[in-house]
N, C-alpha and C. Protein backbone atom coordinates (compact mmCIF):
# COMPACT_ATOMS: atom_id res chain seq x y z
N MET A 1 -4.98 -7.72 -18.56
CA MET A 1 -4.00 -8.47 -18.14
C MET A 1 -4.83 -9.17 -16.72
N ASN A 2 -4.68 -10.62 -16.96
CA ASN A 2 -5.24 -11.12 -15.75
C ASN A 2 -4.14 -11.56 -14.60
N PHE A 3 -4.66 -11.62 -13.28
CA PHE A 3 -3.75 -11.93 -12.39
C PHE A 3 -2.53 -12.89 -12.64
N GLU A 4 -1.42 -12.61 -12.28
CA GLU A 4 -0.33 -13.57 -12.25
C GLU A 4 0.64 -13.01 -11.02
N LEU A 5 1.03 -13.98 -10.41
CA LEU A 5 1.60 -13.98 -9.13
C LEU A 5 2.86 -13.23 -9.20
N ASN A 6 3.53 -13.73 -10.37
CA ASN A 6 5.12 -13.23 -10.44
C ASN A 6 4.98 -11.89 -10.71
N LYS A 7 3.91 -11.30 -11.80
CA LYS A 7 4.02 -10.14 -12.27
C LYS A 7 3.40 -9.09 -10.69
N SER A 8 2.64 -9.44 -10.08
CA SER A 8 2.41 -8.85 -8.66
C SER A 8 3.69 -8.76 -7.87
N ILE A 9 4.27 -9.91 -7.68
CA ILE A 9 5.24 -9.80 -6.82
C ILE A 9 6.37 -8.69 -7.19
N LYS A 10 6.58 -8.81 -8.44
CA LYS A 10 7.49 -7.60 -9.20
C LYS A 10 7.24 -6.28 -8.76
N ILE A 11 6.10 -6.01 -8.83
CA ILE A 11 5.64 -4.67 -8.29
C ILE A 11 5.52 -4.56 -6.76
N LEU A 12 5.18 -5.30 -6.13
CA LEU A 12 5.32 -5.36 -4.52
C LEU A 12 6.65 -5.28 -4.03
N GLU A 13 7.39 -5.84 -4.90
CA GLU A 13 9.05 -5.65 -4.34
C GLU A 13 9.47 -4.43 -4.57
N ARG A 14 8.91 -3.52 -5.40
CA ARG A 14 9.69 -2.48 -5.94
C ARG A 14 9.12 -1.38 -5.02
N THR A 15 7.95 -1.47 -4.37
CA THR A 15 7.39 -0.46 -3.80
C THR A 15 8.21 0.26 -2.70
N PRO A 16 8.78 -0.34 -1.87
CA PRO A 16 9.70 0.14 -0.93
C PRO A 16 10.93 0.96 -1.55
N ALA A 17 11.52 0.47 -2.60
CA ALA A 17 12.51 1.38 -3.27
C ALA A 17 11.87 2.59 -3.86
N VAL A 18 10.70 2.56 -4.30
CA VAL A 18 9.99 3.63 -5.06
C VAL A 18 9.75 4.53 -3.67
N LEU A 19 9.42 4.38 -2.68
CA LEU A 19 9.18 5.14 -1.69
C LEU A 19 10.57 5.67 -1.05
N LYS A 20 11.47 4.98 -1.05
CA LYS A 20 12.65 5.47 -0.43
C LYS A 20 13.32 6.26 -1.56
N ALA A 21 13.33 6.40 -2.93
CA ALA A 21 13.86 7.11 -3.84
C ALA A 21 13.05 8.30 -3.77
N LEU A 22 12.01 8.68 -3.60
CA LEU A 22 11.10 9.80 -3.51
C LEU A 22 11.32 10.30 -1.96
N PHE A 23 11.48 9.75 -0.97
CA PHE A 23 11.06 10.31 0.32
C PHE A 23 12.62 10.45 1.28
N TYR A 24 13.62 9.59 1.02
CA TYR A 24 14.42 9.49 1.76
C TYR A 24 15.31 10.37 2.05
N GLU A 25 15.27 11.19 3.08
CA GLU A 25 16.20 12.18 3.44
C GLU A 25 15.70 13.47 2.59
N LEU A 26 14.41 13.51 2.15
CA LEU A 26 13.76 14.71 1.48
C LEU A 26 13.08 15.60 2.67
N ASP A 27 13.13 17.03 2.12
CA ASP A 27 12.56 17.83 3.11
C ASP A 27 11.34 17.18 3.63
N ALA A 28 10.86 17.57 5.00
CA ALA A 28 9.89 17.17 5.61
C ALA A 28 8.31 17.42 5.03
N ASP A 29 8.29 18.84 4.35
CA ASP A 29 7.10 19.25 3.84
C ASP A 29 6.78 18.53 2.43
N TRP A 30 7.67 18.00 1.67
CA TRP A 30 7.43 16.88 0.77
C TRP A 30 6.39 15.73 1.32
N ALA A 31 6.83 15.19 2.26
CA ALA A 31 6.28 13.96 2.86
C ALA A 31 5.07 14.24 3.55
N THR A 32 4.78 15.48 4.14
CA THR A 32 3.78 15.72 4.89
C THR A 32 2.57 16.45 4.29
N ILE A 33 2.82 16.93 2.98
CA ILE A 33 1.59 17.52 2.39
C ILE A 33 0.58 16.77 1.89
N ASN A 34 -0.62 16.98 1.80
CA ASN A 34 -1.77 16.20 1.47
C ASN A 34 -2.73 16.95 0.59
N GLU A 35 -3.67 16.47 0.14
CA GLU A 35 -4.62 16.93 -0.63
C GLU A 35 -5.92 17.79 -0.21
N GLY A 36 -5.76 17.89 1.29
CA GLY A 36 -6.79 18.54 1.67
C GLY A 36 -7.24 18.13 2.98
N PRO A 37 -8.26 18.62 3.75
CA PRO A 37 -8.96 17.92 4.99
C PRO A 37 -9.35 16.66 4.75
N ARG A 38 -8.79 15.68 5.70
CA ARG A 38 -9.55 14.51 5.82
C ARG A 38 -8.68 13.56 4.79
N THR A 39 -7.35 14.07 4.14
CA THR A 39 -6.72 13.00 2.99
C THR A 39 -5.22 12.74 4.13
N TRP A 40 -4.73 11.79 3.25
CA TRP A 40 -3.35 11.41 3.74
C TRP A 40 -1.86 12.10 2.99
N SER A 41 -1.21 12.21 3.69
CA SER A 41 0.29 12.53 3.14
C SER A 41 0.89 11.53 3.05
N ALA A 42 1.96 11.48 2.40
CA ALA A 42 2.98 10.35 2.15
C ALA A 42 3.41 9.43 3.41
N TYR A 43 3.53 10.45 4.28
CA TYR A 43 3.84 9.87 5.92
C TYR A 43 2.91 9.11 6.22
N ASP A 44 1.74 9.32 6.09
CA ASP A 44 0.58 8.66 6.59
C ASP A 44 0.43 7.44 5.66
N ILE A 45 0.71 7.67 4.53
CA ILE A 45 0.55 6.41 3.50
C ILE A 45 1.51 5.42 3.85
N VAL A 46 2.65 5.94 4.29
CA VAL A 46 3.76 4.67 4.37
C VAL A 46 3.31 4.06 5.89
N GLY A 47 3.04 4.83 6.81
CA GLY A 47 2.42 4.21 8.07
C GLY A 47 1.40 3.39 7.93
N HIS A 48 0.42 3.61 6.98
CA HIS A 48 -0.93 3.06 6.86
C HIS A 48 0.02 1.64 5.87
N LEU A 49 0.84 1.68 5.11
CA LEU A 49 1.26 0.29 4.43
C LEU A 49 1.92 -0.51 5.41
N ILE A 50 2.67 0.04 6.45
CA ILE A 50 3.41 -0.62 7.34
C ILE A 50 2.00 -1.35 8.26
N HIS A 51 1.31 -1.01 8.72
CA HIS A 51 0.04 -1.55 9.37
C HIS A 51 -0.52 -2.78 8.33
N GLY A 52 -0.67 -2.38 7.15
CA GLY A 52 -1.18 -3.45 6.22
C GLY A 52 -0.10 -4.63 5.97
N GLU A 53 1.10 -4.35 6.12
CA GLU A 53 2.12 -5.48 6.13
C GLU A 53 1.72 -6.40 7.56
N GLN A 54 1.81 -5.48 8.63
CA GLN A 54 1.36 -6.28 9.74
C GLN A 54 0.14 -7.15 10.17
N THR A 55 -1.06 -6.40 9.40
CA THR A 55 -2.22 -7.11 9.80
C THR A 55 -3.23 -7.38 8.74
N ASP A 56 -2.59 -7.09 7.54
CA ASP A 56 -3.65 -7.44 6.29
C ASP A 56 -3.16 -8.54 5.62
N TRP A 57 -2.24 -8.20 4.55
CA TRP A 57 -2.26 -8.93 3.33
C TRP A 57 -1.70 -10.56 3.89
N ILE A 58 -0.42 -10.72 4.16
CA ILE A 58 -0.18 -12.20 4.73
C ILE A 58 -1.08 -12.60 5.47
N PRO A 59 -1.34 -12.01 6.67
CA PRO A 59 -2.28 -12.63 7.64
C PRO A 59 -3.56 -13.07 7.18
N ARG A 60 -4.24 -12.32 6.21
CA ARG A 60 -5.45 -12.90 5.47
C ARG A 60 -5.22 -13.96 4.58
N ALA A 61 -4.08 -13.88 3.85
CA ALA A 61 -3.78 -14.79 3.13
C ALA A 61 -3.74 -16.16 3.89
N GLU A 62 -2.86 -16.06 4.86
CA GLU A 62 -2.64 -17.27 5.73
C GLU A 62 -4.21 -17.76 6.36
N ILE A 63 -5.03 -17.15 6.41
CA ILE A 63 -6.41 -17.34 6.95
C ILE A 63 -7.21 -18.15 5.67
N ILE A 64 -6.82 -17.61 4.28
CA ILE A 64 -7.58 -18.32 3.26
C ILE A 64 -7.04 -19.65 3.14
N LEU A 65 -5.58 -19.96 3.53
CA LEU A 65 -4.76 -21.10 3.22
C LEU A 65 -5.10 -21.95 4.36
N SER A 66 -5.49 -21.54 5.39
CA SER A 66 -5.61 -22.52 6.57
C SER A 66 -6.48 -23.62 6.32
N ASP A 67 -6.60 -24.67 7.14
CA ASP A 67 -7.67 -25.57 7.23
C ASP A 67 -8.99 -25.18 8.08
N GLY A 68 -8.78 -24.30 8.87
CA GLY A 68 -9.62 -23.80 9.85
C GLY A 68 -11.12 -23.70 9.37
N PRO A 69 -12.27 -24.08 10.23
CA PRO A 69 -13.26 -23.74 9.48
C PRO A 69 -14.07 -22.26 9.63
N ASP A 70 -13.07 -21.61 10.33
CA ASP A 70 -13.96 -20.00 10.14
C ASP A 70 -12.78 -19.35 9.62
N ARG A 71 -13.04 -18.92 8.18
CA ARG A 71 -11.91 -18.02 7.27
C ARG A 71 -12.27 -16.68 7.23
N THR A 72 -12.96 -16.02 8.34
CA THR A 72 -13.51 -14.58 8.39
C THR A 72 -12.17 -13.80 8.86
N PHE A 73 -11.74 -12.89 7.99
CA PHE A 73 -10.77 -11.92 8.31
C PHE A 73 -11.17 -11.06 9.54
N ALA A 74 -10.31 -10.42 10.30
CA ALA A 74 -10.76 -9.37 11.27
C ALA A 74 -10.90 -8.03 10.49
N PRO A 75 -11.43 -7.31 10.98
CA PRO A 75 -11.70 -5.90 10.30
C PRO A 75 -10.29 -5.12 10.34
N PHE A 76 -9.99 -4.34 9.44
CA PHE A 76 -8.70 -3.77 9.16
C PHE A 76 -8.89 -2.16 9.68
N ASP A 77 -8.22 -1.79 10.41
CA ASP A 77 -8.17 -0.28 10.79
C ASP A 77 -7.41 0.43 10.04
N ARG A 78 -8.05 1.16 9.00
CA ARG A 78 -7.52 1.80 8.08
C ARG A 78 -6.80 3.29 8.75
N PHE A 79 -6.82 3.70 9.92
CA PHE A 79 -6.27 4.76 10.67
C PHE A 79 -5.40 4.27 11.54
N ALA A 80 -4.96 3.10 12.00
CA ALA A 80 -4.06 2.81 12.98
C ALA A 80 -2.83 3.49 12.82
N GLN A 81 -2.28 3.74 11.68
CA GLN A 81 -0.94 4.55 11.57
C GLN A 81 -1.01 5.67 12.33
N GLU A 82 -2.12 6.39 12.56
CA GLU A 82 -1.97 7.65 13.38
C GLU A 82 -1.32 7.58 14.74
N LYS A 83 -1.49 6.16 15.30
CA LYS A 83 -0.93 6.23 16.50
C LYS A 83 0.47 5.49 16.41
N LEU A 84 0.32 4.54 15.46
CA LEU A 84 1.70 3.56 15.20
C LEU A 84 2.74 4.22 14.69
N SER A 85 2.57 5.47 13.81
CA SER A 85 3.68 6.39 13.40
C SER A 85 4.06 7.41 14.35
N GLN A 86 3.58 7.63 15.48
CA GLN A 86 3.94 8.62 16.07
C GLN A 86 5.33 8.56 16.87
N GLY A 87 5.92 9.68 16.75
CA GLY A 87 7.31 9.82 17.15
C GLY A 87 8.40 9.23 16.23
N LYS A 88 8.15 8.88 14.91
CA LYS A 88 8.92 8.27 13.91
C LYS A 88 9.13 8.98 12.85
N THR A 89 10.46 8.92 12.18
CA THR A 89 10.63 9.86 11.37
C THR A 89 10.36 9.06 10.07
N MET A 90 10.14 9.85 8.66
CA MET A 90 9.80 9.15 7.52
C MET A 90 10.84 8.42 7.10
N GLU A 91 12.34 8.41 7.61
CA GLU A 91 13.12 7.27 7.46
C GLU A 91 12.94 6.30 8.26
N ASP A 92 12.39 6.33 9.31
CA ASP A 92 12.26 5.29 10.30
C ASP A 92 10.96 4.44 9.56
N LEU A 93 10.03 5.04 8.94
CA LEU A 93 8.90 4.41 8.73
C LEU A 93 9.34 3.85 7.48
N LEU A 94 10.16 4.35 6.40
CA LEU A 94 10.64 3.91 5.14
C LEU A 94 11.47 2.37 5.33
N GLU A 95 12.15 2.42 6.38
CA GLU A 95 13.28 1.30 6.66
C GLU A 95 12.18 -0.06 7.33
N GLU A 96 11.20 0.63 8.11
CA GLU A 96 10.31 -0.40 8.84
C GLU A 96 9.62 -1.20 7.60
N PHE A 97 8.86 -0.48 6.97
CA PHE A 97 8.36 -0.83 5.53
C PHE A 97 8.96 -1.75 4.77
N ALA A 98 10.21 -1.50 4.60
CA ALA A 98 10.97 -2.32 3.47
C ALA A 98 11.44 -3.73 4.10
N SER A 99 11.58 -3.49 5.45
CA SER A 99 11.74 -4.82 6.09
C SER A 99 10.76 -5.71 6.09
N LEU A 100 9.30 -5.00 6.64
CA LEU A 100 8.45 -5.79 6.74
C LEU A 100 7.81 -6.39 5.34
N ARG A 101 8.01 -5.74 4.13
CA ARG A 101 7.50 -5.93 2.85
C ARG A 101 8.55 -7.22 2.59
N GLU A 102 9.81 -7.22 2.82
CA GLU A 102 10.79 -8.26 2.32
C GLU A 102 10.12 -9.33 3.08
N SER A 103 10.03 -9.39 4.14
CA SER A 103 9.61 -10.56 5.21
C SER A 103 8.32 -10.99 4.65
N SER A 104 7.47 -10.02 4.08
CA SER A 104 6.00 -10.51 3.49
C SER A 104 6.08 -11.46 2.38
N LEU A 105 7.03 -10.88 1.44
CA LEU A 105 6.99 -11.41 0.13
C LEU A 105 8.01 -12.73 0.32
N ASN A 106 8.92 -12.58 1.22
CA ASN A 106 9.61 -14.17 1.53
C ASN A 106 8.52 -15.27 1.93
N GLN A 107 7.56 -15.01 2.52
CA GLN A 107 6.50 -15.80 3.19
C GLN A 107 5.70 -16.16 2.10
N LEU A 108 5.38 -15.08 1.09
CA LEU A 108 4.47 -15.46 0.00
C LEU A 108 5.21 -16.43 -0.83
N LYS A 109 6.51 -16.09 -1.08
CA LYS A 109 6.98 -16.99 -2.12
C LYS A 109 7.25 -18.40 -1.57
N SER A 110 7.49 -18.59 -0.42
CA SER A 110 7.82 -19.90 0.20
C SER A 110 6.70 -20.81 0.10
N TRP A 111 5.37 -20.18 -0.18
CA TRP A 111 4.26 -21.09 -0.14
C TRP A 111 4.04 -21.77 -1.46
N ASN A 112 4.90 -21.33 -2.69
CA ASN A 112 4.76 -21.98 -3.95
C ASN A 112 3.15 -22.42 -4.34
N LEU A 113 2.60 -21.14 -4.42
CA LEU A 113 1.14 -21.15 -4.55
C LEU A 113 0.67 -21.86 -5.81
N SER A 114 -0.13 -22.84 -5.76
CA SER A 114 -0.80 -23.28 -7.12
C SER A 114 -2.02 -22.50 -7.57
N GLU A 115 -2.58 -22.94 -8.47
CA GLU A 115 -3.81 -22.22 -9.21
C GLU A 115 -4.82 -22.67 -8.08
N GLU A 116 -4.89 -23.74 -7.64
CA GLU A 116 -6.13 -24.37 -6.65
C GLU A 116 -5.79 -23.45 -5.49
N ASP A 117 -4.70 -23.03 -5.00
CA ASP A 117 -4.56 -22.09 -3.66
C ASP A 117 -4.92 -20.83 -4.11
N LEU A 118 -4.80 -20.29 -5.25
CA LEU A 118 -5.22 -19.01 -5.56
C LEU A 118 -6.76 -18.98 -5.85
N ASP A 119 -7.61 -19.84 -5.66
CA ASP A 119 -9.12 -20.05 -5.82
C ASP A 119 -9.52 -20.13 -4.60
N LYS A 120 -8.80 -20.50 -3.67
CA LYS A 120 -9.49 -20.52 -2.28
C LYS A 120 -9.84 -19.44 -1.63
N THR A 121 -10.68 -19.39 -0.81
CA THR A 121 -11.64 -18.30 -0.31
C THR A 121 -11.52 -18.19 1.20
N GLY A 122 -11.77 -16.86 1.34
CA GLY A 122 -11.81 -16.32 2.80
C GLY A 122 -13.07 -15.39 2.76
N VAL A 123 -13.16 -14.97 4.12
CA VAL A 123 -14.50 -14.00 4.11
C VAL A 123 -14.24 -12.68 4.57
N HIS A 124 -14.33 -11.53 3.86
CA HIS A 124 -13.99 -10.15 3.99
C HIS A 124 -15.16 -9.75 4.81
N PRO A 125 -14.85 -9.01 6.00
CA PRO A 125 -16.10 -8.53 6.86
C PRO A 125 -16.96 -7.70 6.26
N ASP A 126 -16.78 -6.80 5.15
CA ASP A 126 -17.70 -6.12 4.41
C ASP A 126 -17.91 -6.62 2.90
N LEU A 127 -17.15 -7.28 2.39
CA LEU A 127 -17.26 -7.68 1.06
C LEU A 127 -17.85 -9.18 0.77
N GLY A 128 -17.57 -9.79 1.82
CA GLY A 128 -18.20 -11.40 1.78
C GLY A 128 -16.89 -12.32 1.29
N GLU A 129 -17.17 -13.34 0.48
CA GLU A 129 -16.23 -13.98 0.35
C GLU A 129 -15.35 -13.51 -0.81
N VAL A 130 -14.16 -13.88 -0.60
CA VAL A 130 -13.13 -13.31 -1.71
C VAL A 130 -11.80 -14.45 -1.98
N THR A 131 -11.35 -14.60 -3.05
CA THR A 131 -10.39 -15.44 -3.24
C THR A 131 -9.00 -14.98 -2.95
N LEU A 132 -7.93 -15.84 -2.79
CA LEU A 132 -6.53 -15.53 -2.37
C LEU A 132 -6.01 -14.69 -3.71
N SER A 133 -6.53 -15.05 -4.96
CA SER A 133 -5.96 -14.41 -6.22
C SER A 133 -6.58 -12.79 -6.05
N GLN A 134 -7.95 -12.73 -5.63
CA GLN A 134 -8.34 -11.20 -5.42
C GLN A 134 -7.49 -10.46 -4.34
N LEU A 135 -7.28 -11.16 -3.21
CA LEU A 135 -6.41 -10.30 -2.19
C LEU A 135 -4.97 -9.98 -2.81
N LEU A 136 -4.54 -10.96 -3.49
CA LEU A 136 -3.17 -10.51 -4.11
C LEU A 136 -3.24 -9.64 -5.21
N SER A 137 -4.21 -9.68 -5.84
CA SER A 137 -4.45 -8.41 -6.79
C SER A 137 -4.77 -7.23 -6.10
N THR A 138 -5.49 -7.24 -5.20
CA THR A 138 -5.84 -5.79 -4.36
C THR A 138 -4.70 -5.23 -3.65
N TRP A 139 -3.48 -6.21 -3.44
CA TRP A 139 -2.39 -5.84 -2.61
C TRP A 139 -1.58 -5.15 -3.51
N THR A 140 -1.56 -5.69 -4.70
CA THR A 140 -0.71 -4.88 -5.66
C THR A 140 -1.37 -3.83 -6.22
N VAL A 141 -2.73 -3.36 -6.54
CA VAL A 141 -3.58 -2.40 -6.72
C VAL A 141 -3.29 -1.05 -5.71
N HIS A 142 -3.42 -1.72 -4.44
CA HIS A 142 -3.40 -0.77 -3.24
C HIS A 142 -2.10 -0.04 -3.28
N ASP A 143 -0.87 -0.77 -3.40
CA ASP A 143 0.46 -0.23 -3.75
C ASP A 143 0.37 1.02 -4.78
N LEU A 144 -0.17 0.68 -6.00
CA LEU A 144 0.00 1.51 -6.93
C LEU A 144 -1.03 2.78 -6.57
N ALA A 145 -2.09 2.42 -6.33
CA ALA A 145 -3.14 3.44 -5.88
C ALA A 145 -2.40 4.59 -4.97
N HIS A 146 -1.83 3.98 -3.65
CA HIS A 146 -1.25 4.96 -2.89
C HIS A 146 -0.07 5.66 -3.56
N ILE A 147 0.87 5.03 -4.49
CA ILE A 147 1.80 5.82 -5.16
C ILE A 147 1.14 6.82 -5.80
N ASN A 148 -0.13 6.73 -6.47
CA ASN A 148 -0.62 7.79 -7.27
C ASN A 148 -0.93 8.92 -6.01
N GLN A 149 -1.42 8.57 -5.07
CA GLN A 149 -2.28 9.46 -4.31
C GLN A 149 -1.02 10.50 -3.44
N PHE A 150 0.07 9.82 -3.31
CA PHE A 150 1.01 10.72 -2.91
C PHE A 150 1.59 11.71 -3.83
N SER A 151 1.52 11.04 -5.02
CA SER A 151 2.33 11.81 -6.03
C SER A 151 1.29 13.08 -6.45
N ARG A 152 -0.04 12.88 -6.19
CA ARG A 152 -0.96 13.94 -6.39
C ARG A 152 -0.86 14.98 -5.35
N ALA A 153 -0.40 14.40 -4.20
CA ALA A 153 -0.49 15.54 -3.15
C ALA A 153 0.81 16.32 -3.48
N MET A 154 2.04 15.46 -3.70
CA MET A 154 3.29 16.41 -3.98
C MET A 154 3.21 17.50 -5.17
N VAL A 155 2.46 17.23 -6.26
CA VAL A 155 1.99 18.14 -7.21
C VAL A 155 1.76 19.45 -6.81
N LYS A 156 0.97 19.66 -5.27
CA LYS A 156 0.35 20.90 -5.14
C LYS A 156 1.47 21.62 -4.75
N HIS A 157 2.85 21.12 -4.07
CA HIS A 157 3.76 22.08 -3.91
C HIS A 157 4.02 23.09 -4.85
N TYR A 158 3.95 22.89 -6.21
CA TYR A 158 4.42 23.78 -7.00
C TYR A 158 3.22 24.05 -8.15
N ALA A 159 1.84 23.80 -7.76
CA ALA A 159 0.68 23.89 -8.48
C ALA A 159 0.73 25.47 -9.05
N LYS A 160 0.91 26.28 -7.98
CA LYS A 160 0.51 27.62 -8.66
C LYS A 160 1.90 28.36 -9.00
N ASP A 161 3.22 27.70 -8.85
CA ASP A 161 4.25 28.10 -9.34
C ASP A 161 4.44 27.75 -10.88
N VAL A 162 3.86 26.94 -11.61
CA VAL A 162 4.09 26.54 -12.92
C VAL A 162 3.59 27.49 -13.77
N GLY A 163 2.63 28.56 -13.24
CA GLY A 163 2.27 29.51 -14.13
C GLY A 163 1.48 29.06 -15.27
N PRO A 164 1.50 29.43 -16.35
CA PRO A 164 0.70 29.34 -17.63
C PRO A 164 0.71 27.68 -18.06
N TRP A 165 1.88 27.01 -17.67
CA TRP A 165 2.03 25.59 -18.13
C TRP A 165 0.87 24.94 -17.29
N LYS A 166 0.31 25.29 -16.34
CA LYS A 166 -0.76 24.40 -15.64
C LYS A 166 -1.87 24.03 -16.87
N LYS A 167 -2.25 24.63 -17.83
CA LYS A 167 -3.12 24.36 -18.56
C LYS A 167 -2.45 23.05 -19.31
N TYR A 168 -1.46 22.90 -19.65
CA TYR A 168 -0.95 21.53 -19.90
C TYR A 168 -0.66 20.18 -19.34
N ILE A 169 -0.96 20.46 -18.04
CA ILE A 169 -0.73 19.54 -16.85
C ILE A 169 -2.15 18.90 -16.33
N ARG A 170 -2.71 18.04 -16.93
CA ARG A 170 -3.87 17.49 -16.44
C ARG A 170 -3.98 17.49 -14.85
N ILE A 171 -3.00 16.87 -14.21
CA ILE A 171 -3.40 16.65 -12.78
C ILE A 171 -3.46 18.02 -12.00
N LEU A 172 -3.07 19.14 -12.63
CA LEU A 172 -3.20 20.54 -12.17
C LEU A 172 -4.55 21.28 -12.50
N LYS A 173 -5.58 20.57 -13.35
CA LYS A 173 -6.65 21.20 -13.96
C LYS A 173 -7.37 21.77 -12.94
N ASP A 174 -7.57 20.74 -11.92
CA ASP A 174 -8.71 21.02 -10.97
C ASP A 174 -8.02 22.30 -9.43
N LEU A 175 -6.76 22.17 -9.77
CA LEU A 175 -6.28 23.01 -8.51
C LEU A 175 -6.42 24.44 -8.64
């Protein structure tokens, strides 16, 4: 499948609902389990997604679409959520993320992007020149990758409790 903006938007619109369905008013241990040292829990991931809404996807798209001579992106702090999420509940984060994502997608839709727009470029500080379609594809894959990540972490809650069925559940094979 090649990039199609409308298909990406459909995924991006659903991410907040997926997160709410899994974590809203769920016991905190489900949202705070991770895959081990130096890995993220769902709580960390939602904070990270919030930071991305604020500083990454739409701001970088705006740089690409601008007429400015310098289209270089500011570096993204992958750990900013550690400070930004302090004192907030998972429900607080879920609500904030849903609101920010709705705003981001409204902005994206308002641009009525053409194929020519999707081919415009910006400069990533590590990767070099990237197109708008690559940025938007990455935004979509980024959401799906993090959904996969917290699903893997959640599985650990009952990994030992499934008993002999472990041999039938691929995600448990290495636990």
